[in-house]
């Protein structure tokens, strides 16, 4: 299973708009991805309610994981999005 540990780059954490951006990006990968707080249980990264339910704050460590073909590339893209607090995923990543 591929895994990435990153700190949330959005000052407001994974709430409202950042969570929406993240969920859209996770869904777009086409790879089943989970997200969890460093000490918590993983949830479906493509579920807005599940991501909001994490309550991940800015600067807090989260764990992204996937176990499917293309997992490494998908996790690299999502890790960059989360760690840099980007408003959208750059095409060059």
Protein backbone atom coordinates (compact mmCIF):
# COMPACT_ATOMS: atom_id res chain seq x y z
CA UNK A 1 0.00 0.00 0.00
CA UNK A 2 1.33 3.41 -0.99
CA UNK A 3 1.20 6.13 1.64
CA UNK A 4 2.05 9.82 1.96
CA UNK A 5 2.22 11.80 5.21
CA UNK A 6 1.78 15.53 4.78
CA UNK A 7 0.88 18.58 6.82
CA UNK A 8 -2.26 20.47 5.82
CA UNK A 9 -1.15 23.66 4.06
CA UNK A 10 -4.47 25.50 4.20
CA UNK A 11 -4.57 27.80 7.24
CA UNK A 12 -8.26 26.96 7.81
CA UNK A 13 -7.58 23.23 7.49
CA UNK A 14 -9.67 20.83 5.43
CA UNK A 15 -12.93 22.74 5.79
CA UNK A 16 -15.44 24.06 3.25
CA UNK A 17 -13.60 25.24 0.13
CA UNK A 18 -10.29 23.39 0.73
CA UNK A 19 -12.18 20.16 1.45
CA UNK A 20 -14.19 20.62 -1.74
CA UNK A 21 -11.01 21.16 -3.78
CA UNK A 22 -9.40 18.09 -2.19
CA UNK A 23 -12.43 15.82 -2.72
CA UNK A 24 -12.71 16.85 -6.39
CA UNK A 25 -9.00 16.16 -6.89
CA UNK A 26 -9.22 12.79 -5.09
CA UNK A 27 -12.18 11.77 -7.23
CA UNK A 28 -10.41 12.88 -10.41
CA UNK A 29 -7.47 10.53 -9.77
CA UNK A 30 -9.67 7.51 -10.47
CA UNK A 31 -7.83 5.70 -7.67
CA UNK A 32 -9.55 4.75 -4.39
CA UNK A 33 -7.74 6.92 -1.82
CA UNK A 34 -8.19 7.14 1.93
CA UNK A 35 -7.33 10.03 4.21
CA UNK A 36 -6.80 9.99 7.96
CA UNK A 37 -5.37 12.08 10.74
CA UNK A 38 -1.99 10.72 11.79
CA UNK A 39 -3.56 8.94 14.77
CA UNK A 40 -7.01 8.25 13.32
CA UNK A 41 -8.99 5.83 11.21
CA UNK A 42 -8.92 6.26 7.42
CA UNK A 43 -11.98 7.52 5.53
CA UNK A 44 -12.85 7.73 1.84
CA UNK A 45 -11.05 10.74 0.36
CA UNK A 46 -13.78 11.10 -2.30
CA UNK A 47 -16.49 11.71 0.34
CA UNK A 48 -17.05 15.35 1.27
CA UNK A 49 -18.79 14.43 4.53
CA UNK A 50 -16.03 12.03 5.52
CA UNK A 51 -13.29 14.59 4.80
CA UNK A 52 -15.12 17.33 6.70
CA UNK A 53 -15.69 14.88 9.56
CA UNK A 54 -11.94 14.51 10.04
CA UNK A 55 -11.71 18.06 11.32
CA UNK A 56 -8.14 18.35 10.04
CA UNK A 57 -6.64 21.71 11.04
CA UNK A 58 -4.00 23.76 9.26
CA UNK A 59 -0.52 22.36 9.95
CA UNK A 60 -1.88 19.03 11.19
CA UNK A 61 -0.40 15.83 9.76
CA UNK A 62 -2.64 13.65 7.63
CA UNK A 63 -2.04 10.30 5.96
CA UNK A 64 -3.08 9.63 2.37
CA UNK A 65 -3.10 5.99 1.27
CA UNK A 66 -4.07 3.90 -1.75
CA UNK A 67 -3.59 0.36 -2.94
CA UNK A 68 -4.30 0.31 -6.66
CA UNK A 69 -2.56 0.79 -9.98
CA UNK A 70 -1.50 4.42 -10.26
CA UNK A 71 -1.52 4.92 -6.49
CA UNK A 72 1.93 6.54 -6.29
CA UNK A 73 1.16 9.18 -8.92
CA UNK A 74 -2.27 9.91 -7.43
CA UNK A 75 -0.87 10.27 -3.91
CA UNK A 76 1.96 12.51 -5.10
CA UNK A 77 -0.56 14.86 -6.74
CA UNK A 78 -2.85 14.93 -3.71
CA UNK A 79 0.05 15.35 -1.28
CA UNK A 80 1.26 18.39 -3.23
CA UNK A 81 -2.24 19.87 -3.25
CA UNK A 82 -2.68 19.42 0.51
CA UNK A 83 0.80 20.39 1.66
CA UNK A 84 0.96 23.56 -0.43
CA UNK A 85 -2.66 24.55 0.22
CA UNK A 86 -3.27 25.06 -3.48
CA UNK A 87 -6.57 26.37 -4.81
CA UNK A 88 -6.44 23.86 -7.65
CA UNK A 89 -4.17 21.06 -8.74
CA UNK A 90 -1.54 22.33 -11.19
CA UNK A 91 -1.50 20.58 -14.55
CA UNK A 92 2.27 20.18 -14.36
CA UNK A 93 2.16 17.85 -11.35
